[in-house]
């Protein structure tokens, strides 16, 4: 859990130049697709359909826009905040959170150990 938080903190501060991992819905920008994906992911997390949500993220991620990295970091941060029992119930693990976060970062050319 701590290692995941460290990766998240690195990505938000060094790469995204933000203070928090929270994805912010854009106003008046041409990022409607990312905002729509954010809403869909949020809904799936609430329904505890985490595997489906992760699949949707990777099917729609656009490595040409840092908004999608911001979205991925927010997604994995929210998953990391879930307790172990909930993750297990969803058939998901902290290791999968870590791997997904690393895979997302790699798509944007950011190597994370």
PDB file of N, CA and C in Angstrom:
ATOM      1  N   UNK A   1       0.825  -1.182   0.000  1.00  0.00           N
ATOM      2  CA  UNK A   1       0.000   0.000   0.000  1.00  0.00           C
ATOM      3  C   UNK A   1       0.878   1.259   0.000  1.00  0.00           C
ATOM      4  N   UNK A   2       1.921   1.226   0.801  1.00  0.00           N
ATOM      5  CA  UNK A   2       2.821   2.387   0.899  1.00  0.00           C
ATOM      6  C   UNK A   2       3.576   2.602  -0.411  1.00  0.00           C
ATOM      7  N   UNK A   3       4.035   1.513  -1.006  1.00  0.00           N
ATOM      8  CA  UNK A   3       4.776   1.608  -2.263  1.00  0.00           C
ATOM      9  C   UNK A   3       3.890   2.212  -3.356  1.00  0.00           C
ATOM     10  N   UNK A   4       2.629   1.834  -3.360  1.00  0.00           N
ATOM     11  CA  UNK A   4       1.689   2.375  -4.339  1.00  0.00           C
ATOM     12  C   UNK A   4       1.500   3.867  -4.100  1.00  0.00           C
ATOM     13  N   UNK A   5       1.354   4.254  -2.850  1.00  0.00           N
ATOM     14  CA  UNK A   5       1.203   5.685  -2.524  1.00  0.00           C
ATOM     15  C   UNK A   5       2.433   6.474  -2.940  1.00  0.00           C
ATOM     16  N   UNK A   6       3.606   5.891  -2.757  1.00  0.00           N
ATOM     17  CA  UNK A   6       4.840   6.569  -3.175  1.00  0.00           C
ATOM     18  C   UNK A   6       4.871   6.780  -4.689  1.00  0.00           C
ATOM     19  N   UNK A   7       4.452   5.753  -5.450  1.00  0.00           N
ATOM     20  CA  UNK A   7       4.405   5.891  -6.914  1.00  0.00           C
ATOM     21  C   UNK A   7       3.400   6.965  -7.317  1.00  0.00           C
ATOM     22  N   UNK A   8       2.254   6.967  -6.672  1.00  0.00           N
ATOM     23  CA  UNK A   8       1.221   7.967  -6.963  1.00  0.00           C
ATOM     24  C   UNK A   8       1.752   9.359  -6.673  1.00  0.00           C
ATOM     25  N   UNK A   9       2.388   9.524  -5.523  1.00  0.00           N
ATOM     26  CA  UNK A   9       2.936  10.840  -5.155  1.00  0.00           C
ATOM     27  C   UNK A   9       3.999  11.302  -6.146  1.00  0.00           C
ATOM     28  N   UNK A  10       4.835  10.387  -6.610  1.00  0.00           N
ATOM     29  CA  UNK A  10       5.848  10.727  -7.604  1.00  0.00           C
ATOM     30  C   UNK A  10       5.177  11.224  -8.885  1.00  0.00           C
ATOM     31  N   UNK A  11       4.197  10.470  -9.366  1.00  0.00           N
ATOM     32  CA  UNK A  11       3.537  10.815 -10.623  1.00  0.00           C
ATOM     33  C   UNK A  11       2.790  12.150 -10.527  1.00  0.00           C
ATOM     34  N   UNK A  12       2.095  12.375  -9.407  1.00  0.00           N
ATOM     35  CA  UNK A  12       1.328  13.618  -9.326  1.00  0.00           C
ATOM     36  C   UNK A  12       2.216  14.835  -9.137  1.00  0.00           C
ATOM     37  N   UNK A  13       3.298  14.686  -8.405  1.00  0.00           N
ATOM     38  CA  UNK A  13       4.136  15.867  -8.161  1.00  0.00           C
ATOM     39  C   UNK A  13       5.142  16.122  -9.276  1.00  0.00           C
ATOM     40  N   UNK A  14       5.856  15.099  -9.720  1.00  0.00           N
ATOM     41  CA  UNK A  14       6.930  15.291 -10.695  1.00  0.00           C
ATOM     42  C   UNK A  14       6.417  15.351 -12.129  1.00  0.00           C
ATOM     43  N   UNK A  15       5.485  14.492 -12.483  1.00  0.00           N
ATOM     44  CA  UNK A  15       5.023  14.414 -13.862  1.00  0.00           C
ATOM     45  C   UNK A  15       3.821  15.333 -14.114  1.00  0.00           C
ATOM     46  N   UNK A  16       2.842  15.296 -13.212  1.00  0.00           N
ATOM     47  CA  UNK A  16       1.619  16.067 -13.433  1.00  0.00           C
ATOM     48  C   UNK A  16       1.642  17.451 -12.780  1.00  0.00           C
ATOM     49  N   UNK A  17       2.622  17.696 -11.935  1.00  0.00           N
ATOM     50  CA  UNK A  17       2.769  18.986 -11.243  1.00  0.00           C
ATOM     51  C   UNK A  17       1.493  19.373 -10.490  1.00  0.00           C
ATOM     52  N   UNK A  18       0.986  18.399  -9.744  1.00  0.00           N
ATOM     53  CA  UNK A  18      -0.218  18.602  -8.944  1.00  0.00           C
ATOM     54  C   UNK A  18       0.093  18.274  -7.490  1.00  0.00           C
ATOM     55  N   UNK A  19      -0.852  18.595  -6.632  1.00  0.00           N
ATOM     56  CA  UNK A  19      -0.693  18.294  -5.213  1.00  0.00           C
ATOM     57  C   UNK A  19      -1.503  17.076  -4.783  1.00  0.00           C
ATOM     58  N   UNK A  20      -2.552  16.750  -5.550  1.00  0.00           N
ATOM     59  CA  UNK A  20      -3.381  15.593  -5.212  1.00  0.00           C
ATOM     60  C   UNK A  20      -3.590  14.718  -6.440  1.00  0.00           C
ATOM     61  N   UNK A  21      -4.025  13.500  -6.190  1.00  0.00           N
ATOM     62  CA  UNK A  21      -4.264  12.551  -7.278  1.00  0.00           C
ATOM     63  C   UNK A  21      -5.658  12.695  -7.869  1.00  0.00           C
ATOM     64  N   UNK A  22      -6.439  13.605  -7.352  1.00  0.00           N
ATOM     65  CA  UNK A  22      -7.820  13.745  -7.804  1.00  0.00           C
ATOM     66  C   UNK A  22      -7.906  14.282  -9.228  1.00  0.00           C
ATOM     67  N   UNK A  23      -8.609  13.552 -10.060  1.00  0.00           N
ATOM     68  CA  UNK A  23      -8.881  13.991 -11.428  1.00  0.00           C
ATOM     69  C   UNK A  23      -9.915  15.105 -11.344  1.00  0.00           C
ATOM     70  N   UNK A  24      -9.698  16.156 -12.098  1.00  0.00           N
ATOM     71  CA  UNK A  24     -10.628  17.278 -12.084  1.00  0.00           C
ATOM     72  C   UNK A  24     -11.322  17.372 -13.432  1.00  0.00           C
ATOM     73  N   UNK A  25     -12.654  17.375 -13.392  1.00  0.00           N
ATOM     74  CA  UNK A  25     -13.439  17.527 -14.614  1.00  0.00           C
ATOM     75  C   UNK A  25     -13.092  18.881 -15.222  1.00  0.00           C
ATOM     76  N   UNK A  26     -12.812  18.879 -16.516  1.00  0.00           N
ATOM     77  CA  UNK A  26     -12.430  20.121 -17.189  1.00  0.00           C
ATOM     78  C   UNK A  26     -13.665  20.927 -17.568  1.00  0.00           C
ATOM     79  N   UNK A  27     -13.470  22.212 -17.605  1.00  0.00           N
ATOM     80  CA  UNK A  27     -14.545  23.110 -18.011  1.00  0.00           C
ATOM     81  C   UNK A  27     -14.051  23.905 -19.206  1.00  0.00           C
ATOM     82  N   UNK A  28     -14.759  23.771 -20.310  1.00  0.00           N
ATOM     83  CA  UNK A  28     -14.430  24.544 -21.490  1.00  0.00           C
ATOM     84  C   UNK A  28     -13.208  24.072 -22.259  1.00  0.00           C
ATOM     85  N   UNK A  29     -12.680  22.897 -21.924  1.00  0.00           N
ATOM     86  CA  UNK A  29     -11.536  22.365 -22.648  1.00  0.00           C
ATOM     87  C   UNK A  29     -12.003  21.219 -23.536  1.00  0.00           C
ATOM     88  N   UNK A  30     -11.203  20.878 -24.492  1.00  0.00           N
ATOM     89  CA  UNK A  30     -11.545  19.807 -25.414  1.00  0.00           C
ATOM     90  C   UNK A  30     -11.074  18.463 -24.871  1.00  0.00           C
ATOM     91  N   UNK A  31     -11.559  18.097 -23.711  1.00  0.00           N
ATOM     92  CA  UNK A  31     -11.185  16.822 -23.091  1.00  0.00           C
ATOM     93  C   UNK A  31     -12.425  16.034 -22.678  1.00  0.00           C
ATOM     94  N   UNK A  32     -13.483  16.211 -23.399  1.00  0.00           N
ATOM     95  CA  UNK A  32     -14.745  15.559 -23.059  1.00  0.00           C
ATOM     96  C   UNK A  32     -14.605  14.041 -22.979  1.00  0.00           C
ATOM     97  N   UNK A  33     -13.785  13.445 -23.844  1.00  0.00           N
ATOM     98  CA  UNK A  33     -13.627  11.984 -23.836  1.00  0.00           C
ATOM     99  C   UNK A  33     -13.022  11.512 -22.515  1.00  0.00           C
ATOM    100  N   UNK A  34     -12.031  12.209 -22.017  1.00  0.00           N
ATOM    101  CA  UNK A  34     -11.415  11.836 -20.739  1.00  0.00           C
ATOM    102  C   UNK A  34     -12.406  12.015 -19.596  1.00  0.00           C
ATOM    103  N   UNK A  35     -13.172  13.088 -19.643  1.00  0.00           N
ATOM    104  CA  UNK A  35     -14.163  13.328 -18.589  1.00  0.00           C
ATOM    105  C   UNK A  35     -15.252  12.261 -18.603  1.00  0.00           C
ATOM    106  N   UNK A  36     -15.671  11.859 -19.789  1.00  0.00           N
ATOM    107  CA  UNK A  36     -16.677  10.797 -19.910  1.00  0.00           C
ATOM    108  C   UNK A  36     -16.122   9.484 -19.369  1.00  0.00           C
ATOM    109  N   UNK A  37     -14.880   9.193 -19.705  1.00  0.00           N
ATOM    110  CA  UNK A  37     -14.238   7.973 -19.200  1.00  0.00           C
ATOM    111  C   UNK A  37     -14.140   8.022 -17.682  1.00  0.00           C
ATOM    112  N   UNK A  38     -13.795   9.174 -17.138  1.00  0.00           N
ATOM    113  CA  UNK A  38     -13.721   9.337 -15.677  1.00  0.00           C
ATOM    114  C   UNK A  38     -15.065   8.993 -15.034  1.00  0.00           C
ATOM    115  N   UNK A  39     -16.126   9.501 -15.598  1.00  0.00           N
ATOM    116  CA  UNK A  39     -17.462   9.235 -15.042  1.00  0.00           C
ATOM    117  C   UNK A  39     -17.800   7.742 -15.124  1.00  0.00           C
ATOM    118  N   UNK A  40     -17.460   7.123 -16.237  1.00  0.00           N
ATOM    119  CA  UNK A  40     -17.723   5.696 -16.396  1.00  0.00           C
ATOM    120  C   UNK A  40     -16.922   4.877 -15.387  1.00  0.00           C
ATOM    121  N   UNK A  41     -15.658   5.224 -15.199  1.00  0.00           N
ATOM    122  CA  UNK A  41     -14.814   4.508 -14.240  1.00  0.00           C
ATOM    123  C   UNK A  41     -15.342   4.682 -12.819  1.00  0.00           C
ATOM    124  N   UNK A  42     -15.760   5.890 -12.487  1.00  0.00           N
ATOM    125  CA  UNK A  42     -16.301   6.161 -11.156  1.00  0.00           C
ATOM    126  C   UNK A  42     -17.529   5.305 -10.878  1.00  0.00           C
ATOM    127  N   UNK A  43     -18.381   5.212 -11.876  1.00  0.00           N
ATOM    128  CA  UNK A  43     -19.582   4.399 -11.750  1.00  0.00           C
ATOM    129  C   UNK A  43     -19.235   2.928 -11.527  1.00  0.00           C
ATOM    130  N   UNK A  44     -18.298   2.426 -12.303  1.00  0.00           N
ATOM    131  CA  UNK A  44     -17.904   1.018 -12.171  1.00  0.00           C
ATOM    132  C   UNK A  44     -17.247   0.749 -10.823  1.00  0.00           C
ATOM    133  N   UNK A  45     -16.455   1.684 -10.317  1.00  0.00           N
ATOM    134  CA  UNK A  45     -15.851   1.506  -8.992  1.00  0.00           C
ATOM    135  C   UNK A  45     -16.947   1.444  -7.936  1.00  0.00           C
ATOM    136  N   UNK A  46     -17.921   2.337  -8.030  1.00  0.00           N
ATOM    137  CA  UNK A  46     -19.031   2.332  -7.066  1.00  0.00           C
ATOM    138  C   UNK A  46     -19.787   1.001  -7.099  1.00  0.00           C
ATOM    139  N   UNK A  47     -19.886   0.414  -8.284  1.00  0.00           N
ATOM    140  CA  UNK A  47     -20.563  -0.874  -8.439  1.00  0.00           C
ATOM    141  C   UNK A  47     -19.638  -2.047  -8.126  1.00  0.00           C
ATOM    142  N   UNK A  48     -18.405  -1.737  -7.734  1.00  0.00           N
ATOM    143  CA  UNK A  48     -17.377  -2.723  -7.413  1.00  0.00           C
ATOM    144  C   UNK A  48     -17.047  -3.632  -8.598  1.00  0.00           C
ATOM    145  N   UNK A  49     -17.110  -3.065  -9.790  1.00  0.00           N
ATOM    146  CA  UNK A  49     -16.735  -3.780 -11.016  1.00  0.00           C
ATOM    147  C   UNK A  49     -15.337  -3.306 -11.429  1.00  0.00           C
ATOM    148  N   UNK A  50     -14.379  -3.641 -10.586  1.00  0.00           N
ATOM    149  CA  UNK A  50     -13.030  -3.100 -10.735  1.00  0.00           C
ATOM    150  C   UNK A  50     -12.320  -3.664 -11.962  1.00  0.00           C
ATOM    151  N   UNK A  51     -12.416  -4.953 -12.188  1.00  0.00           N
ATOM    152  CA  UNK A  51     -11.760  -5.534 -13.365  1.00  0.00           C
ATOM    153  C   UNK A  51     -12.318  -4.938 -14.648  1.00  0.00           C
ATOM    154  N   UNK A  52     -13.634  -4.780 -14.695  1.00  0.00           N
ATOM    155  CA  UNK A  52     -14.276  -4.172 -15.860  1.00  0.00           C
ATOM    156  C   UNK A  52     -13.805  -2.719 -16.034  1.00  0.00           C
ATOM    157  N   UNK A  53     -13.678  -2.020 -14.923  1.00  0.00           N
ATOM    158  CA  UNK A  53     -13.220  -0.626 -14.970  1.00  0.00           C
ATOM    159  C   UNK A  53     -11.790  -0.542 -15.490  1.00  0.00           C
ATOM    160  N   UNK A  54     -10.917  -1.413 -15.009  1.00  0.00           N
ATOM    161  CA  UNK A  54      -9.534  -1.377 -15.467  1.00  0.00           C
ATOM    162  C   UNK A  54      -9.449  -1.697 -16.960  1.00  0.00           C
ATOM    163  N   UNK A  55     -10.220  -2.661 -17.403  1.00  0.00           N
ATOM    164  CA  UNK A  55     -10.245  -2.980 -18.841  1.00  0.00           C
ATOM    165  C   UNK A  55     -10.689  -1.765 -19.650  1.00  0.00           C
ATOM    166  N   UNK A  56     -11.725  -1.084 -19.189  1.00  0.00           N
ATOM    167  CA  UNK A  56     -12.224   0.107 -19.867  1.00  0.00           C
ATOM    168  C   UNK A  56     -11.158   1.195 -19.922  1.00  0.00           C
ATOM    169  N   UNK A  57     -10.431   1.367 -18.820  1.00  0.00           N
ATOM    170  CA  UNK A  57      -9.360   2.366 -18.777  1.00  0.00           C
ATOM    171  C   UNK A  57      -8.333   2.095 -19.871  1.00  0.00           C
ATOM    172  N   UNK A  58      -7.841   0.865 -19.940  1.00  0.00           N
ATOM    173  CA  UNK A  58      -6.784   0.559 -20.906  1.00  0.00           C
ATOM    174  C   UNK A  58      -7.295   0.509 -22.350  1.00  0.00           C
ATOM    175  N   UNK A  59      -8.566   0.229 -22.538  1.00  0.00           N
ATOM    176  CA  UNK A  59      -9.132   0.254 -23.886  1.00  0.00           C
ATOM    177  C   UNK A  59      -9.249   1.683 -24.414  1.00  0.00           C
ATOM    178  N   UNK A  60      -9.350   2.656 -23.510  1.00  0.00           N
ATOM    179  CA  UNK A  60      -9.630   4.032 -23.915  1.00  0.00           C
ATOM    180  C   UNK A  60      -8.531   5.032 -23.607  1.00  0.00           C
ATOM    181  N   UNK A  61      -7.467   4.589 -22.980  1.00  0.00           N
ATOM    182  CA  UNK A  61      -6.407   5.521 -22.597  1.00  0.00           C
ATOM    183  C   UNK A  61      -5.738   6.098 -23.846  1.00  0.00           C
ATOM    184  N   UNK A  62      -5.470   7.381 -23.806  1.00  0.00           N
ATOM    185  CA  UNK A  62      -4.835   8.093 -24.920  1.00  0.00           C
ATOM    186  C   UNK A  62      -3.478   8.588 -24.421  1.00  0.00           C
ATOM    187  N   UNK A  63      -2.428   7.885 -24.800  1.00  0.00           N
ATOM    188  CA  UNK A  63      -1.087   8.226 -24.318  1.00  0.00           C
ATOM    189  C   UNK A  63      -0.587   9.553 -24.864  1.00  0.00           C
ATOM    190  N   UNK A  64      -1.356  10.191 -25.729  1.00  0.00           N
ATOM    191  CA  UNK A  64      -0.973  11.491 -26.262  1.00  0.00           C
ATOM    192  C   UNK A  64      -1.454  12.652 -25.412  1.00  0.00           C
ATOM    193  N   UNK A  65      -2.171  12.361 -24.335  1.00  0.00           N
ATOM    194  CA  UNK A  65      -2.714  13.410 -23.477  1.00  0.00           C
ATOM    195  C   UNK A  65      -2.462  13.075 -22.007  1.00  0.00           C
ATOM    196  N   UNK A  66      -1.784  13.961 -21.313  1.00  0.00           N
ATOM    197  CA  UNK A  66      -1.509  13.744 -19.888  1.00  0.00           C
ATOM    198  C   UNK A  66      -2.777  13.700 -19.050  1.00  0.00           C
ATOM    199  N   UNK A  67      -3.888  14.174 -19.603  1.00  0.00           N
ATOM    200  CA  UNK A  67      -5.169  14.077 -18.881  1.00  0.00           C
ATOM    201  C   UNK A  67      -5.480  12.613 -18.578  1.00  0.00           C
ATOM    202  N   UNK A  68      -5.087  11.736 -19.471  1.00  0.00           N
ATOM    203  CA  UNK A  68      -5.349  10.312 -19.260  1.00  0.00           C
ATOM    204  C   UNK A  68      -4.415   9.717 -18.205  1.00  0.00           C
ATOM    205  N   UNK A  69      -3.210  10.235 -18.101  1.00  0.00           N
ATOM    206  CA  UNK A  69      -2.342   9.796 -17.014  1.00  0.00           C
ATOM    207  C   UNK A  69      -2.926  10.271 -15.696  1.00  0.00           C
ATOM    208  N   UNK A  70      -3.393  11.507 -15.673  1.00  0.00           N
ATOM    209  CA  UNK A  70      -4.051  12.043 -14.477  1.00  0.00           C
ATOM    210  C   UNK A  70      -5.240  11.163 -14.094  1.00  0.00           C
ATOM    211  N   UNK A  71      -5.996  10.755 -15.090  1.00  0.00           N
ATOM    212  CA  UNK A  71      -7.150   9.887 -14.887  1.00  0.00           C
ATOM    213  C   UNK A  71      -6.726   8.533 -14.324  1.00  0.00           C
ATOM    214  N   UNK A  72      -5.680   7.946 -14.896  1.00  0.00           N
ATOM    215  CA  UNK A  72      -5.193   6.645 -14.436  1.00  0.00           C
ATOM    216  C   UNK A  72      -4.677   6.722 -12.999  1.00  0.00           C
ATOM    217  N   UNK A  73      -3.949   7.784 -12.680  1.00  0.00           N
ATOM    218  CA  UNK A  73      -3.425   7.950 -11.317  1.00  0.00           C
ATOM    219  C   UNK A  73      -4.583   8.073 -10.327  1.00  0.00           C
ATOM    220  N   UNK A  74      -5.581   8.850 -10.680  1.00  0.00           N
ATOM    221  CA  UNK A  74      -6.771   8.985  -9.832  1.00  0.00           C
ATOM    222  C   UNK A  74      -7.440   7.626  -9.639  1.00  0.00           C
ATOM    223  N   UNK A  75      -7.591   6.887 -10.729  1.00  0.00           N
ATOM    224  CA  UNK A  75      -8.235   5.575 -10.687  1.00  0.00           C
ATOM    225  C   UNK A  75      -7.519   4.638  -9.713  1.00  0.00           C
ATOM    226  N   UNK A  76      -6.214   4.508  -9.875  1.00  0.00           N
ATOM    227  CA  UNK A  76      -5.468   3.580  -9.011  1.00  0.00           C
ATOM    228  C   UNK A  76      -5.351   4.092  -7.583  1.00  0.00           C
ATOM    229  N   UNK A  77      -5.360   5.381  -7.401  1.00  0.00           N
ATOM    230  CA  UNK A  77      -5.365   5.943  -6.049  1.00  0.00           C
ATOM    231  C   UNK A  77      -6.664   5.573  -5.331  1.00  0.00           C
ATOM    232  N   UNK A  78      -7.772   5.680  -6.046  1.00  0.00           N
ATOM    233  CA  UNK A  78      -9.060   5.320  -5.442  1.00  0.00           C
ATOM    234  C   UNK A  78      -9.123   3.824  -5.143  1.00  0.00           C
ATOM    235  N   UNK A  79      -8.570   3.005  -6.026  1.00  0.00           N
ATOM    236  CA  UNK A  79      -8.542   1.567  -5.747  1.00  0.00           C
ATOM    237  C   UNK A  79      -7.676   1.270  -4.533  1.00  0.00           C
ATOM    238  N   UNK A  80      -6.559   1.956  -4.421  1.00  0.00           N
ATOM    239  CA  UNK A  80      -5.653   1.737  -3.297  1.00  0.00           C
ATOM    240  C   UNK A  80      -6.297   2.131  -1.970  1.00  0.00           C
ATOM    241  N   UNK A  81      -7.263   3.046  -2.013  1.00  0.00           N
ATOM    242  CA  UNK A  81      -7.962   3.466  -0.799  1.00  0.00           C
ATOM    243  C   UNK A  81      -8.989   2.438  -0.329  1.00  0.00           C
ATOM    244  N   UNK A  82      -9.331   1.483  -1.189  1.00  0.00           N
ATOM    245  CA  UNK A  82     -10.266   0.436  -0.789  1.00  0.00           C
ATOM    246  C   UNK A  82      -9.579  -0.521   0.189  1.00  0.00           C
ATOM    247  N   UNK A  83     -10.351  -1.095   1.086  1.00  0.00           N
ATOM    248  CA  UNK A  83      -9.757  -2.037   2.037  1.00  0.00           C
ATOM    249  C   UNK A  83      -9.528  -3.387   1.358  1.00  0.00           C
ATOM    250  N   UNK A  84      -8.676  -4.189   1.974  1.00  0.00           N
ATOM    251  CA  UNK A  84      -8.297  -5.483   1.400  1.00  0.00           C
ATOM    252  C   UNK A  84      -9.504  -6.398   1.184  1.00  0.00           C
ATOM    253  N   UNK A  85     -10.445  -6.346   2.095  1.00  0.00           N
ATOM    254  CA  UNK A  85     -11.629  -7.198   1.992  1.00  0.00           C
ATOM    255  C   UNK A  85     -12.448  -6.841   0.742  1.00  0.00           C
ATOM    256  N   UNK A  86     -12.611  -5.564   0.483  1.00  0.00           N
ATOM    257  CA  UNK A  86     -13.355  -5.132  -0.695  1.00  0.00           C
ATOM    258  C   UNK A  86     -12.620  -5.525  -1.972  1.00  0.00           C
ATOM    259  N   UNK A  87     -11.307  -5.319  -1.980  1.00  0.00           N
ATOM    260  CA  UNK A  87     -10.524  -5.709  -3.153  1.00  0.00           C
ATOM    261  C   UNK A  87     -10.648  -7.205  -3.417  1.00  0.00           C
ATOM    262  N   UNK A  88     -10.550  -7.991  -2.356  1.00  0.00           N
ATOM    263  CA  UNK A  88     -10.655  -9.444  -2.502  1.00  0.00           C
ATOM    264  C   UNK A  88     -12.033  -9.833  -3.031  1.00  0.00           C
ATOM    265  N   UNK A  89     -13.056  -9.181  -2.526  1.00  0.00           N
ATOM    266  CA  UNK A  89     -14.426  -9.439  -2.975  1.00  0.00           C
ATOM    267  C   UNK A  89     -14.566  -9.166  -4.478  1.00  0.00           C
ATOM    268  N   UNK A  90     -13.811  -8.195  -4.953  1.00  0.00           N
ATOM    269  CA  UNK A  90     -13.849  -7.815  -6.372  1.00  0.00           C
ATOM    270  C   UNK A  90     -12.892  -8.629  -7.226  1.00  0.00           C
ATOM    271  N   UNK A  91     -12.132  -9.512  -6.596  1.00  0.00           N
ATOM    272  CA  UNK A  91     -11.164 -10.310  -7.335  1.00  0.00           C
ATOM    273  C   UNK A  91      -9.980  -9.489  -7.805  1.00  0.00           C
ATOM    274  N   UNK A  92      -9.574  -8.533  -6.980  1.00  0.00           N
ATOM    275  CA  UNK A  92      -8.485  -7.625  -7.324  1.00  0.00           C
ATOM    276  C   UNK A  92      -7.505  -7.580  -6.156  1.00  0.00           C
ATOM    277  N   UNK A  93      -6.253  -7.231  -6.441  1.00  0.00           N
ATOM    278  CA  UNK A  93      -5.241  -7.214  -5.387  1.00  0.00           C
ATOM    279  C   UNK A  93      -4.417  -5.926  -5.432  1.00  0.00           C
ATOM    280  N   UNK A  94      -3.694  -5.685  -4.371  1.00  0.00           N
ATOM    281  CA  UNK A  94      -2.792  -4.521  -4.333  1.00  0.00           C
ATOM    282  C   UNK A  94      -1.703  -4.671  -5.405  1.00  0.00           C
ATOM    283  N   UNK A  95      -1.290  -5.894  -5.632  1.00  0.00           N
ATOM    284  CA  UNK A  95      -0.274  -6.133  -6.669  1.00  0.00           C
ATOM    285  C   UNK A  95      -0.795  -5.701  -8.042  1.00  0.00           C
ATOM    286  N   UNK A  96      -2.067  -5.991  -8.314  1.00  0.00           N
ATOM    287  CA  UNK A  96      -2.659  -5.574  -9.587  1.00  0.00           C
ATOM    288  C   UNK A  96      -2.767  -4.048  -9.675  1.00  0.00           C
ATOM    289  N   UNK A  97      -3.017  -3.397  -8.549  1.00  0.00           N
ATOM    290  CA  UNK A  97      -3.038  -1.933  -8.522  1.00  0.00           C
ATOM    291  C   UNK A  97      -1.660  -1.404  -8.890  1.00  0.00           C
ATOM    292  N   UNK A  98      -0.642  -1.960  -8.268  1.00  0.00           N
ATOM    293  CA  UNK A  98       0.738  -1.541  -8.531  1.00  0.00           C
ATOM    294  C   UNK A  98       1.110  -1.771  -9.999  1.00  0.00           C
ATOM    295  N   UNK A  99       0.788  -2.945 -10.513  1.00  0.00           N
ATOM    296  CA  UNK A  99       1.121  -3.270 -11.904  1.00  0.00           C
ATOM    297  C   UNK A  99       0.366  -2.370 -12.884  1.00  0.00           C
ATOM    298  N   UNK A 100      -0.899  -2.110 -12.613  1.00  0.00           N
ATOM    299  CA  UNK A 100      -1.693  -1.246 -13.470  1.00  0.00           C
ATOM    300  C   UNK A 100      -1.160   0.175 -13.487  1.00  0.00           C
ATOM    301  N   UNK A 101      -0.748   0.651 -12.335  1.00  0.00           N
ATOM    302  CA  UNK A 101      -0.175   1.994 -12.232  1.00  0.00           C
ATOM    303  C   UNK A 101       1.132   2.075 -13.015  1.00  0.00           C
ATOM    304  N   UNK A 102       1.956   1.060 -12.875  1.00  0.00           N
ATOM    305  CA  UNK A 102       3.218   1.015 -13.630  1.00  0.00           C
ATOM    306  C   UNK A 102       2.966   0.947 -15.137  1.00  0.00           C
ATOM    307  N   UNK A 103       2.018   0.106 -15.535  1.00  0.00           N
ATOM    308  CA  UNK A 103       1.691  -0.025 -16.959  1.00  0.00           C
ATOM    309  C   UNK A 103       1.172   1.293 -17.524  1.00  0.00           C
ATOM    310  N   UNK A 104       0.357   1.986 -16.749  1.00  0.00           N
ATOM    311  CA  UNK A 104      -0.172   3.291 -17.186  1.00  0.00           C
ATOM    312  C   UNK A 104       0.978   4.283 -17.374  1.00  0.00           C
ATOM    313  N   UNK A 105       1.872   4.339 -16.404  1.00  0.00           N
ATOM    314  CA  UNK A 105       2.993   5.275 -16.469  1.00  0.00           C
ATOM    315  C   UNK A 105       3.872   4.970 -17.687  1.00  0.00           C
ATOM    316  N   UNK A 106       4.111   3.691 -17.954  1.00  0.00           N
ATOM    317  CA  UNK A 106       4.944   3.293 -19.103  1.00  0.00           C
ATOM    318  C   UNK A 106       4.353   3.773 -20.427  1.00  0.00           C
ATOM    319  N   UNK A 107       3.025   3.764 -20.524  1.00  0.00           N
ATOM    320  CA  UNK A 107       2.373   4.244 -21.754  1.00  0.00           C
ATOM    321  C   UNK A 107       2.724   5.697 -22.038  1.00  0.00           C
ATOM    322  N   UNK A 108       3.045   6.444 -20.981  1.00  0.00           N
ATOM    323  CA  UNK A 108       3.386   7.859 -21.123  1.00  0.00           C
ATOM    324  C   UNK A 108       4.895   8.084 -21.072  1.00  0.00           C
ATOM    325  N   UNK A 109       5.648   6.993 -21.161  1.00  0.00           N
ATOM    326  CA  UNK A 109       7.105   7.109 -21.178  1.00  0.00           C
ATOM    327  C   UNK A 109       7.719   7.385 -19.826  1.00  0.00           C
ATOM    328  N   UNK A 110       6.996   7.063 -18.761  1.00  0.00           N
ATOM    329  CA  UNK A 110       7.489   7.304 -17.409  1.00  0.00           C
ATOM    330  C   UNK A 110       7.812   5.957 -16.769  1.00  0.00           C
ATOM    331  N   UNK A 111       9.110   5.631 -16.659  1.00  0.00           N
ATOM    332  CA  UNK A 111       9.463   4.363 -16.003  1.00  0.00           C
ATOM    333  C   UNK A 111       9.297   4.472 -14.489  1.00  0.00           C
ATOM    334  N   UNK A 112       8.562   3.563 -13.925  1.00  0.00           N
ATOM    335  CA  UNK A 112       8.350   3.532 -12.477  1.00  0.00           C
ATOM    336  C   UNK A 112       8.808   2.174 -11.980  1.00  0.00           C
ATOM    337  N   UNK A 113       9.707   2.166 -11.024  1.00  0.00           N
ATOM    338  CA  UNK A 113      10.217   0.891 -10.490  1.00  0.00           C
ATOM    339  C   UNK A 113       9.274   0.281  -9.499  1.00  0.00           C
TER     340      UNK A 113
END
